[in-house]
Amino acid sequence: NIYQTEVLSEPEPAGENLLYSNFDTPFDISEIAKGMGIQSERVTDPEEIGPAVERALSSNKPSVIDVVIDGSL
């Protein structure tokens, strides 16, 4: 299991309990979800997060919102 191999084997940074992912080649989680038949969308503009959440909630279906951030900050 990748979680056990990659995440649990990492030393805990400075006593903080953090869980995160950082991939050299980003992938589109919304497309993966669509391939599984789940309603999804990818958001790159922070102003679109609220409307995306509203669309997901109003659909009354399982939904994925893939929010792309600048991980270098």
C-alpha atoms as a PDB file:
ATOM      1  CA  ASN A   1       0.000   0.000   0.000  1.00  0.00           C
ATOM      2  CA  ILE A   2       1.503   3.324  -1.104  1.00  0.00           C
ATOM      3  CA  TYR A   3       0.308   5.134   2.032  1.00  0.00           C
ATOM      4  CA  GLN A   4       2.226   2.743   4.267  1.00  0.00           C
ATOM      5  CA  THR A   5       5.299   2.750   2.036  1.00  0.00           C
ATOM      6  CA  GLU A   6       5.599   6.470   1.331  1.00  0.00           C
ATOM      7  CA  VAL A   7       3.838   8.355   4.123  1.00  0.00           C
ATOM      8  CA  LEU A   8       4.216   6.215   7.207  1.00  0.00           C
ATOM      9  CA  SER A   9       7.903   5.537   6.527  1.00  0.00           C
ATOM     10  CA  GLU A  10       8.751   9.264   6.445  1.00  0.00           C
ATOM     11  CA  PRO A  11      10.162  10.736   9.666  1.00  0.00           C
ATOM     12  CA  GLU A  12       7.816  13.130  11.430  1.00  0.00           C
ATOM     13  CA  PRO A  13       8.998  16.691  10.606  1.00  0.00           C
ATOM     14  CA  ALA A  14       9.935  18.690  13.717  1.00  0.00           C
ATOM     15  CA  GLY A  15       7.274  17.000  15.830  1.00  0.00           C
ATOM     16  CA  GLU A  16       4.460  18.240  13.592  1.00  0.00           C
ATOM     17  CA  ASN A  17       1.770  15.816  12.534  1.00  0.00           C
ATOM     18  CA  LEU A  18       1.400  16.658   8.838  1.00  0.00           C
ATOM     19  CA  LEU A  19      -0.007  14.712   5.906  1.00  0.00           C
ATOM     20  CA  TYR A  20       0.637  16.005   2.404  1.00  0.00           C
ATOM     21  CA  SER A  21       1.567  14.992  -1.139  1.00  0.00           C
ATOM     22  CA  ASN A  22       4.073  16.559  -3.469  1.00  0.00           C
ATOM     23  CA  PHE A  23       4.417  15.031  -6.920  1.00  0.00           C
ATOM     24  CA  ASP A  24       7.031  16.085  -9.476  1.00  0.00           C
ATOM     25  CA  THR A  25       4.492  15.496 -12.251  1.00  0.00           C
ATOM     26  CA  PRO A  26       1.065  16.785 -11.214  1.00  0.00           C
ATOM     27  CA  PHE A  27      -1.924  14.719 -12.245  1.00  0.00           C
ATOM     28  CA  ASP A  28      -5.537  15.707 -12.777  1.00  0.00           C
ATOM     29  CA  ILE A  29      -7.545  14.116  -9.966  1.00  0.00           C
ATOM     30  CA  SER A  30     -10.782  15.407 -11.485  1.00  0.00           C
ATOM     31  CA  GLU A  31     -10.164  13.381 -14.664  1.00  0.00           C
ATOM     32  CA  ILE A  32      -9.434  10.273 -12.598  1.00  0.00           C
ATOM     33  CA  ALA A  33     -12.724  10.788 -10.735  1.00  0.00           C
ATOM     34  CA  LYS A  34     -14.622  11.318 -14.015  1.00  0.00           C
ATOM     35  CA  GLY A  35     -13.172   8.035 -15.263  1.00  0.00           C
ATOM     36  CA  MET A  36     -14.801   6.383 -12.237  1.00  0.00           C
ATOM     37  CA  GLY A  37     -18.152   8.009 -12.975  1.00  0.00           C
ATOM     38  CA  ILE A  38     -17.904  10.644 -10.233  1.00  0.00           C
ATOM     39  CA  GLN A  39     -18.897  14.249 -10.825  1.00  0.00           C
ATOM     40  CA  SER A  40     -15.758  16.363 -10.628  1.00  0.00           C
ATOM     41  CA  GLU A  41     -14.068  19.565 -11.688  1.00  0.00           C
ATOM     42  CA  ARG A  42     -10.606  21.111 -11.528  1.00  0.00           C
ATOM     43  CA  VAL A  43     -10.239  24.608 -10.052  1.00  0.00           C
ATOM     44  CA  THR A  44      -7.172  26.790 -10.664  1.00  0.00           C
ATOM     45  CA  ASP A  45      -8.619  30.199  -9.734  1.00  0.00           C
ATOM     46  CA  PRO A  46      -9.230  30.782  -5.995  1.00  0.00           C
ATOM     47  CA  GLU A  47     -12.364  32.782  -6.832  1.00  0.00           C
ATOM     48  CA  GLU A  48     -13.881  29.653  -8.400  1.00  0.00           C
ATOM     49  CA  ILE A  49     -13.617  27.518  -5.254  1.00  0.00           C
ATOM     50  CA  GLY A  50     -16.872  28.817  -3.732  1.00  0.00           C
ATOM     51  CA  PRO A  51     -18.930  28.334  -6.910  1.00  0.00           C
ATOM     52  CA  ALA A  52     -17.415  24.858  -7.390  1.00  0.00           C
ATOM     53  CA  VAL A  53     -18.452  23.889  -3.851  1.00  0.00           C
ATOM     54  CA  GLU A  54     -21.962  25.227  -4.504  1.00  0.00           C
ATOM     55  CA  ARG A  55     -22.229  23.166  -7.708  1.00  0.00           C
ATOM     56  CA  ALA A  56     -21.026  20.051  -5.907  1.00  0.00           C
ATOM     57  CA  LEU A  57     -23.466  20.509  -3.019  1.00  0.00           C
ATOM     58  CA  SER A  58     -26.421  21.293  -5.265  1.00  0.00           C
ATOM     59  CA  SER A  59     -25.822  18.160  -7.343  1.00  0.00           C
ATOM     60  CA  ASN A  60     -26.660  15.890  -4.369  1.00  0.00           C
ATOM     61  CA  LYS A  61     -24.086  13.432  -5.751  1.00  0.00           C
ATOM     62  CA  PRO A  62     -20.614  12.410  -4.641  1.00  0.00           C
ATOM     63  CA  SER A  63     -18.262  15.037  -6.083  1.00  0.00           C
ATOM     64  CA  VAL A  64     -14.561  15.786  -6.318  1.00  0.00           C
ATOM     65  CA  ILE A  65     -13.129  19.300  -6.512  1.00  0.00           C
ATOM     66  CA  ASP A  66      -9.464  19.228  -7.524  1.00  0.00           C
ATOM     67  CA  VAL A  67      -8.013  22.538  -6.266  1.00  0.00           C
ATOM     68  CA  VAL A  68      -4.635  23.276  -7.851  1.00  0.00           C
ATOM     69  CA  ILE A  69      -2.276  25.266  -5.620  1.00  0.00           C
ATOM     70  CA  ASP A  70       1.271  26.565  -5.858  1.00  0.00           C
ATOM     71  CA  GLY A  71       3.076  24.032  -3.695  1.00  0.00           C
ATOM     72  CA  SER A  72       6.319  26.007  -3.672  1.00  0.00           C
ATOM     73  CA  LEU A  73       5.069  28.539  -1.129  1.00  0.00           C
END
